Protein backbone atom coordinates (compact mmCIF):
# COMPACT_ATOMS: atom_id res chain seq x y z
CA UNK A 1 0.00 0.00 0.00
CA UNK A 2 1.80 3.11 -1.18
CA UNK A 3 1.76 6.43 0.60
CA UNK A 4 1.56 9.76 -1.23
CA UNK A 5 5.23 9.95 -2.25
CA UNK A 6 5.36 6.36 -3.49
CA UNK A 7 2.09 6.82 -5.37
CA UNK A 8 3.40 9.93 -7.13
CA UNK A 9 6.62 8.15 -8.10
CA UNK A 10 4.56 5.34 -9.65
CA UNK A 11 2.38 7.83 -11.53
CA UNK A 12 5.46 9.44 -13.07
CA UNK A 13 6.48 6.08 -14.54
CA UNK A 14 3.52 6.28 -16.92
CA UNK A 15 4.50 7.09 -20.53
CA UNK A 16 4.06 10.81 -21.16
CA UNK A 17 3.64 11.81 -17.49
CA UNK A 18 4.74 15.42 -17.07
CA UNK A 19 3.60 16.09 -13.52
CA UNK A 20 1.32 14.81 -10.81
CA UNK A 21 -0.09 15.76 -7.44
CA UNK A 22 -2.35 14.61 -4.66
CA UNK A 23 -4.78 17.40 -3.80
CA UNK A 24 -7.41 18.02 -1.12
CA UNK A 25 -10.31 19.52 -3.06
CA UNK A 26 -11.97 21.17 -0.07
CA UNK A 27 -8.92 23.28 0.77
CA UNK A 28 -7.23 23.36 -2.63
CA UNK A 29 -3.91 22.36 -1.05
CA UNK A 30 -1.44 19.98 -2.63
CA UNK A 31 -0.59 17.13 -0.25
CA UNK A 32 2.26 16.08 -2.54
CA UNK A 33 3.64 17.02 -5.96
CA UNK A 34 6.15 15.69 -8.47
CA UNK A 35 7.42 16.70 -11.91
CA UNK A 36 6.29 19.79 -13.80
CA UNK A 37 3.26 21.98 -13.25
CA UNK A 38 1.24 23.24 -16.24
CA UNK A 39 1.52 26.84 -15.08
CA UNK A 40 4.88 26.54 -13.29
CA UNK A 41 3.35 26.69 -9.80
CA UNK A 42 2.20 23.47 -8.12
CA UNK A 43 0.18 25.25 -5.43
CA UNK A 44 -1.72 27.38 -7.98
CA UNK A 45 -2.38 24.28 -10.09
CA UNK A 46 -3.68 22.44 -7.02
CA UNK A 47 -6.09 25.28 -6.24
CA UNK A 48 -7.28 25.45 -9.86
CA UNK A 49 -7.80 21.70 -10.24
CA UNK A 50 -9.54 21.61 -6.86
CA UNK A 51 -12.16 23.99 -8.24
CA UNK A 52 -12.82 21.60 -11.13
CA UNK A 53 -12.96 18.60 -8.78
CA UNK A 54 -15.29 20.34 -6.34
CA UNK A 55 -17.60 21.55 -9.09
CA UNK A 56 -17.79 18.05 -10.58
CA UNK A 57 -18.17 16.11 -7.33
CA UNK A 58 -20.95 18.34 -6.04
CA UNK A 59 -23.15 18.33 -9.14
CA UNK A 60 -26.20 16.02 -9.04
CA UNK A 61 -26.07 15.73 -12.84
CA UNK A 62 -22.97 13.54 -12.51
CA UNK A 63 -24.34 11.14 -9.88
CA UNK A 64 -27.30 8.85 -9.50
CA UNK A 65 -30.25 10.30 -7.68
CA UNK A 66 -29.84 10.26 -3.92
CA UNK A 67 -31.98 7.86 -1.93
CA UNK A 68 -35.37 9.09 -0.80
CA UNK A 69 -35.06 10.99 2.45
CA UNK A 70 -31.48 12.10 1.87
CA UNK A 71 -30.82 15.71 2.67
CA UNK A 72 -29.36 17.95 -0.06
CA UNK A 73 -26.13 18.14 1.97
CA UNK A 74 -25.68 14.34 2.06
CA UNK A 75 -22.93 13.03 -0.22
CA UNK A 76 -24.14 11.63 -3.55
CA UNK A 77 -24.95 7.92 -3.56
CA UNK A 78 -22.64 7.20 -6.52
CA UNK A 79 -19.51 9.34 -6.50
CA UNK A 80 -17.71 10.53 -9.60
CA UNK A 81 -14.65 8.36 -10.33
CA UNK A 82 -12.60 10.67 -12.50
CA UNK A 83 -12.53 13.76 -14.68
CA UNK A 84 -10.53 14.11 -17.90
CA UNK A 85 -9.80 17.52 -19.41
CA UNK A 86 -8.27 17.55 -22.89
CA UNK A 87 -6.04 20.37 -24.09
CA UNK A 88 -4.22 20.84 -27.37
CA UNK A 89 -1.01 19.29 -26.05
CA UNK A 90 -2.09 17.20 -23.09
CA UNK A 91 -4.59 15.58 -20.78
CA UNK A 92 -5.39 16.43 -17.19
CA UNK A 93 -6.79 13.50 -15.27
CA UNK A 94 -8.38 13.93 -11.86
CA UNK A 95 -8.99 10.62 -10.10
CA UNK A 96 -10.98 10.76 -6.86
CA UNK A 97 -9.63 8.69 -3.97
CA UNK A 98 -12.25 6.79 -1.98
CA UNK A 99 -11.50 6.13 1.67
CA UNK A 100 -13.28 4.77 4.73
CA UNK A 101 -13.78 8.36 5.88
CA UNK A 102 -15.37 11.15 3.83
CA UNK A 103 -12.45 11.71 1.48
CA UNK A 104 -11.98 14.92 -0.46
CA UNK A 105 -8.71 13.89 -2.10
CA UNK A 106 -7.87 13.31 -5.74
CA UNK A 107 -4.88 12.42 -7.88
CA UNK A 108 -4.05 14.88 -10.65
CA UNK A 109 -1.96 13.68 -13.58
CA UNK A 110 -0.74 15.95 -16.36
CA UNK A 111 -0.09 13.73 -19.36
CA UNK A 112 1.62 14.70 -22.62
CA UNK A 113 -0.81 14.11 -25.47
CA UNK A 114 1.73 12.88 -28.02
CA UNK A 115 3.61 10.52 -25.69
CA UNK A 116 0.93 9.38 -23.26
CA UNK A 117 -1.63 6.62 -23.40
CA UNK A 118 -4.89 7.93 -21.96
CA UNK A 119 -6.51 4.51 -21.46
CA UNK A 120 -3.46 3.07 -19.72
CA UNK A 121 -3.09 6.17 -17.54
CA UNK A 122 -6.75 6.00 -16.52
CA UNK A 123 -6.47 2.34 -15.54
CA UNK A 124 -3.25 2.86 -13.58
CA UNK A 125 -4.58 5.93 -11.76
CA UNK A 126 -7.61 3.92 -10.72
CA UNK A 127 -5.40 1.13 -9.36
CA UNK A 128 -3.18 3.59 -7.51
CA UNK A 129 -6.14 5.47 -6.05
CA UNK A 130 -7.50 2.19 -4.65
CA UNK A 131 -4.16 1.37 -3.01
CA UNK A 132 -3.21 4.85 -1.81
CA UNK A 133 -2.82 5.09 1.95
CA UNK A 134 -3.61 8.47 3.45
CA UNK A 135 -2.18 8.83 6.94
C-alpha atoms as a PDB file:
ATOM      1  CA  UNK A   1       0.000   0.000   0.000  1.00  0.00           C
ATOM      2  CA  UNK A   2       1.804   3.113  -1.182  1.00  0.00           C
ATOM      3  CA  UNK A   3       1.759   6.433   0.603  1.00  0.00           C
ATOM      4  CA  UNK A   4       1.563   9.757  -1.232  1.00  0.00           C
ATOM      5  CA  UNK A   5       5.231   9.946  -2.247  1.00  0.00           C
ATOM      6  CA  UNK A   6       5.364   6.357  -3.491  1.00  0.00           C
ATOM      7  CA  UNK A   7       2.094   6.823  -5.372  1.00  0.00           C
ATOM      8  CA  UNK A   8       3.400   9.931  -7.134  1.00  0.00           C
ATOM      9  CA  UNK A   9       6.618   8.152  -8.104  1.00  0.00           C
ATOM     10  CA  UNK A  10       4.564   5.335  -9.652  1.00  0.00           C
ATOM     11  CA  UNK A  11       2.376   7.827 -11.534  1.00  0.00           C
ATOM     12  CA  UNK A  12       5.459   9.438 -13.070  1.00  0.00           C
ATOM     13  CA  UNK A  13       6.483   6.077 -14.538  1.00  0.00           C
ATOM     14  CA  UNK A  14       3.519   6.284 -16.925  1.00  0.00           C
ATOM     15  CA  UNK A  15       4.503   7.085 -20.531  1.00  0.00           C
ATOM     16  CA  UNK A  16       4.056  10.807 -21.161  1.00  0.00           C
ATOM     17  CA  UNK A  17       3.640  11.807 -17.495  1.00  0.00           C
ATOM     18  CA  UNK A  18       4.742  15.417 -17.071  1.00  0.00           C
ATOM     19  CA  UNK A  19       3.600  16.093 -13.525  1.00  0.00           C
ATOM     20  CA  UNK A  20       1.324  14.813 -10.808  1.00  0.00           C
ATOM     21  CA  UNK A  21      -0.085  15.764  -7.438  1.00  0.00           C
ATOM     22  CA  UNK A  22      -2.351  14.606  -4.657  1.00  0.00           C
ATOM     23  CA  UNK A  23      -4.782  17.401  -3.796  1.00  0.00           C
ATOM     24  CA  UNK A  24      -7.407  18.025  -1.125  1.00  0.00           C
ATOM     25  CA  UNK A  25     -10.313  19.516  -3.063  1.00  0.00           C
ATOM     26  CA  UNK A  26     -11.965  21.166  -0.070  1.00  0.00           C
ATOM     27  CA  UNK A  27      -8.922  23.282   0.772  1.00  0.00           C
ATOM     28  CA  UNK A  28      -7.230  23.355  -2.633  1.00  0.00           C
ATOM     29  CA  UNK A  29      -3.913  22.365  -1.047  1.00  0.00           C
ATOM     30  CA  UNK A  30      -1.443  19.979  -2.629  1.00  0.00           C
ATOM     31  CA  UNK A  31      -0.590  17.131  -0.254  1.00  0.00           C
ATOM     32  CA  UNK A  32       2.260  16.083  -2.535  1.00  0.00           C
ATOM     33  CA  UNK A  33       3.644  17.017  -5.962  1.00  0.00           C
ATOM     34  CA  UNK A  34       6.151  15.692  -8.471  1.00  0.00           C
ATOM     35  CA  UNK A  35       7.419  16.701 -11.909  1.00  0.00           C
ATOM     36  CA  UNK A  36       6.293  19.793 -13.795  1.00  0.00           C
ATOM     37  CA  UNK A  37       3.256  21.979 -13.249  1.00  0.00           C
ATOM     38  CA  UNK A  38       1.245  23.242 -16.244  1.00  0.00           C
ATOM     39  CA  UNK A  39       1.521  26.844 -15.082  1.00  0.00           C
ATOM     40  CA  UNK A  40       4.876  26.544 -13.286  1.00  0.00           C
ATOM     41  CA  UNK A  41       3.348  26.686  -9.795  1.00  0.00           C
ATOM     42  CA  UNK A  42       2.203  23.466  -8.123  1.00  0.00           C
ATOM     43  CA  UNK A  43       0.175  25.255  -5.434  1.00  0.00           C
ATOM     44  CA  UNK A  44      -1.720  27.378  -7.980  1.00  0.00           C
ATOM     45  CA  UNK A  45      -2.375  24.279 -10.095  1.00  0.00           C
ATOM     46  CA  UNK A  46      -3.679  22.442  -7.019  1.00  0.00           C
ATOM     47  CA  UNK A  47      -6.088  25.282  -6.237  1.00  0.00           C
ATOM     48  CA  UNK A  48      -7.284  25.454  -9.856  1.00  0.00           C
ATOM     49  CA  UNK A  49      -7.801  21.703 -10.240  1.00  0.00           C
ATOM     50  CA  UNK A  50      -9.537  21.606  -6.856  1.00  0.00           C
ATOM     51  CA  UNK A  51     -12.159  23.986  -8.238  1.00  0.00           C
ATOM     52  CA  UNK A  52     -12.823  21.601 -11.130  1.00  0.00           C
ATOM     53  CA  UNK A  53     -12.962  18.595  -8.784  1.00  0.00           C
ATOM     54  CA  UNK A  54     -15.289  20.337  -6.338  1.00  0.00           C
ATOM     55  CA  UNK A  55     -17.596  21.546  -9.090  1.00  0.00           C
ATOM     56  CA  UNK A  56     -17.794  18.055 -10.577  1.00  0.00           C
ATOM     57  CA  UNK A  57     -18.167  16.112  -7.332  1.00  0.00           C
ATOM     58  CA  UNK A  58     -20.950  18.341  -6.035  1.00  0.00           C
ATOM     59  CA  UNK A  59     -23.153  18.326  -9.140  1.00  0.00           C
ATOM     60  CA  UNK A  60     -26.200  16.021  -9.038  1.00  0.00           C
ATOM     61  CA  UNK A  61     -26.074  15.726 -12.839  1.00  0.00           C
ATOM     62  CA  UNK A  62     -22.965  13.537 -12.511  1.00  0.00           C
ATOM     63  CA  UNK A  63     -24.336  11.139  -9.885  1.00  0.00           C
ATOM     64  CA  UNK A  64     -27.298   8.850  -9.499  1.00  0.00           C
ATOM     65  CA  UNK A  65     -30.245  10.302  -7.677  1.00  0.00           C
ATOM     66  CA  UNK A  66     -29.841  10.256  -3.922  1.00  0.00           C
ATOM     67  CA  UNK A  67     -31.977   7.855  -1.929  1.00  0.00           C
ATOM     68  CA  UNK A  68     -35.370   9.091  -0.804  1.00  0.00           C
ATOM     69  CA  UNK A  69     -35.061  10.990   2.454  1.00  0.00           C
ATOM     70  CA  UNK A  70     -31.480  12.097   1.869  1.00  0.00           C
ATOM     71  CA  UNK A  71     -30.821  15.715   2.670  1.00  0.00           C
ATOM     72  CA  UNK A  72     -29.361  17.949  -0.058  1.00  0.00           C
ATOM     73  CA  UNK A  73     -26.134  18.140   1.969  1.00  0.00           C
ATOM     74  CA  UNK A  74     -25.683  14.343   2.064  1.00  0.00           C
ATOM     75  CA  UNK A  75     -22.934  13.026  -0.218  1.00  0.00           C
ATOM     76  CA  UNK A  76     -24.136  11.626  -3.546  1.00  0.00           C
ATOM     77  CA  UNK A  77     -24.954   7.918  -3.562  1.00  0.00           C
ATOM     78  CA  UNK A  78     -22.638   7.197  -6.520  1.00  0.00           C
ATOM     79  CA  UNK A  79     -19.509   9.336  -6.496  1.00  0.00           C
ATOM     80  CA  UNK A  80     -17.709  10.528  -9.605  1.00  0.00           C
ATOM     81  CA  UNK A  81     -14.653   8.356 -10.331  1.00  0.00           C
ATOM     82  CA  UNK A  82     -12.596  10.668 -12.500  1.00  0.00           C
ATOM     83  CA  UNK A  83     -12.528  13.759 -14.684  1.00  0.00           C
ATOM     84  CA  UNK A  84     -10.525  14.113 -17.898  1.00  0.00           C
ATOM     85  CA  UNK A  85      -9.803  17.516 -19.413  1.00  0.00           C
ATOM     86  CA  UNK A  86      -8.271  17.549 -22.888  1.00  0.00           C
ATOM     87  CA  UNK A  87      -6.040  20.365 -24.090  1.00  0.00           C
ATOM     88  CA  UNK A  88      -4.224  20.839 -27.373  1.00  0.00           C
ATOM     89  CA  UNK A  89      -1.014  19.291 -26.050  1.00  0.00           C
ATOM     90  CA  UNK A  90      -2.088  17.199 -23.090  1.00  0.00           C
ATOM     91  CA  UNK A  91      -4.590  15.576 -20.784  1.00  0.00           C
ATOM     92  CA  UNK A  92      -5.394  16.431 -17.194  1.00  0.00           C
ATOM     93  CA  UNK A  93      -6.791  13.502 -15.271  1.00  0.00           C
ATOM     94  CA  UNK A  94      -8.376  13.932 -11.858  1.00  0.00           C
ATOM     95  CA  UNK A  95      -8.991  10.616 -10.095  1.00  0.00           C
ATOM     96  CA  UNK A  96     -10.979  10.761  -6.861  1.00  0.00           C
ATOM     97  CA  UNK A  97      -9.634   8.686  -3.969  1.00  0.00           C
ATOM     98  CA  UNK A  98     -12.251   6.795  -1.983  1.00  0.00           C
ATOM     99  CA  UNK A  99     -11.498   6.133   1.674  1.00  0.00           C
ATOM    100  CA  UNK A 100     -13.283   4.775   4.730  1.00  0.00           C
ATOM    101  CA  UNK A 101     -13.776   8.359   5.885  1.00  0.00           C
ATOM    102  CA  UNK A 102     -15.366  11.149   3.832  1.00  0.00           C
ATOM    103  CA  UNK A 103     -12.453  11.712   1.477  1.00  0.00           C
ATOM    104  CA  UNK A 104     -11.975  14.915  -0.461  1.00  0.00           C
ATOM    105  CA  UNK A 105      -8.708  13.893  -2.099  1.00  0.00           C
ATOM    106  CA  UNK A 106      -7.874  13.310  -5.739  1.00  0.00           C
ATOM    107  CA  UNK A 107      -4.877  12.420  -7.876  1.00  0.00           C
ATOM    108  CA  UNK A 108      -4.050  14.883 -10.651  1.00  0.00           C
ATOM    109  CA  UNK A 109      -1.959  13.677 -13.580  1.00  0.00           C
ATOM    110  CA  UNK A 110      -0.740  15.950 -16.358  1.00  0.00           C
ATOM    111  CA  UNK A 111      -0.088  13.733 -19.357  1.00  0.00           C
ATOM    112  CA  UNK A 112       1.621  14.705 -22.625  1.00  0.00           C
ATOM    113  CA  UNK A 113      -0.812  14.108 -25.466  1.00  0.00           C
ATOM    114  CA  UNK A 114       1.726  12.877 -28.024  1.00  0.00           C
ATOM    115  CA  UNK A 115       3.611  10.517 -25.685  1.00  0.00           C
ATOM    116  CA  UNK A 116       0.930   9.382 -23.260  1.00  0.00           C
ATOM    117  CA  UNK A 117      -1.628   6.625 -23.404  1.00  0.00           C
ATOM    118  CA  UNK A 118      -4.894   7.935 -21.959  1.00  0.00           C
ATOM    119  CA  UNK A 119      -6.509   4.512 -21.460  1.00  0.00           C
ATOM    120  CA  UNK A 120      -3.455   3.075 -19.719  1.00  0.00           C
ATOM    121  CA  UNK A 121      -3.093   6.167 -17.539  1.00  0.00           C
ATOM    122  CA  UNK A 122      -6.748   6.003 -16.519  1.00  0.00           C
ATOM    123  CA  UNK A 123      -6.473   2.337 -15.540  1.00  0.00           C
ATOM    124  CA  UNK A 124      -3.246   2.862 -13.583  1.00  0.00           C
ATOM    125  CA  UNK A 125      -4.575   5.935 -11.763  1.00  0.00           C
ATOM    126  CA  UNK A 126      -7.612   3.916 -10.724  1.00  0.00           C
ATOM    127  CA  UNK A 127      -5.398   1.126  -9.357  1.00  0.00           C
ATOM    128  CA  UNK A 128      -3.177   3.593  -7.511  1.00  0.00           C
ATOM    129  CA  UNK A 129      -6.142   5.469  -6.052  1.00  0.00           C
ATOM    130  CA  UNK A 130      -7.497   2.193  -4.648  1.00  0.00           C
ATOM    131  CA  UNK A 131      -4.160   1.370  -3.010  1.00  0.00           C
ATOM    132  CA  UNK A 132      -3.209   4.854  -1.807  1.00  0.00           C
ATOM    133  CA  UNK A 133      -2.824   5.090   1.950  1.00  0.00           C
ATOM    134  CA  UNK A 134      -3.609   8.472   3.451  1.00  0.00           C
ATOM    135  CA  UNK A 135      -2.177   8.832   6.940  1.00  0.00           C
END
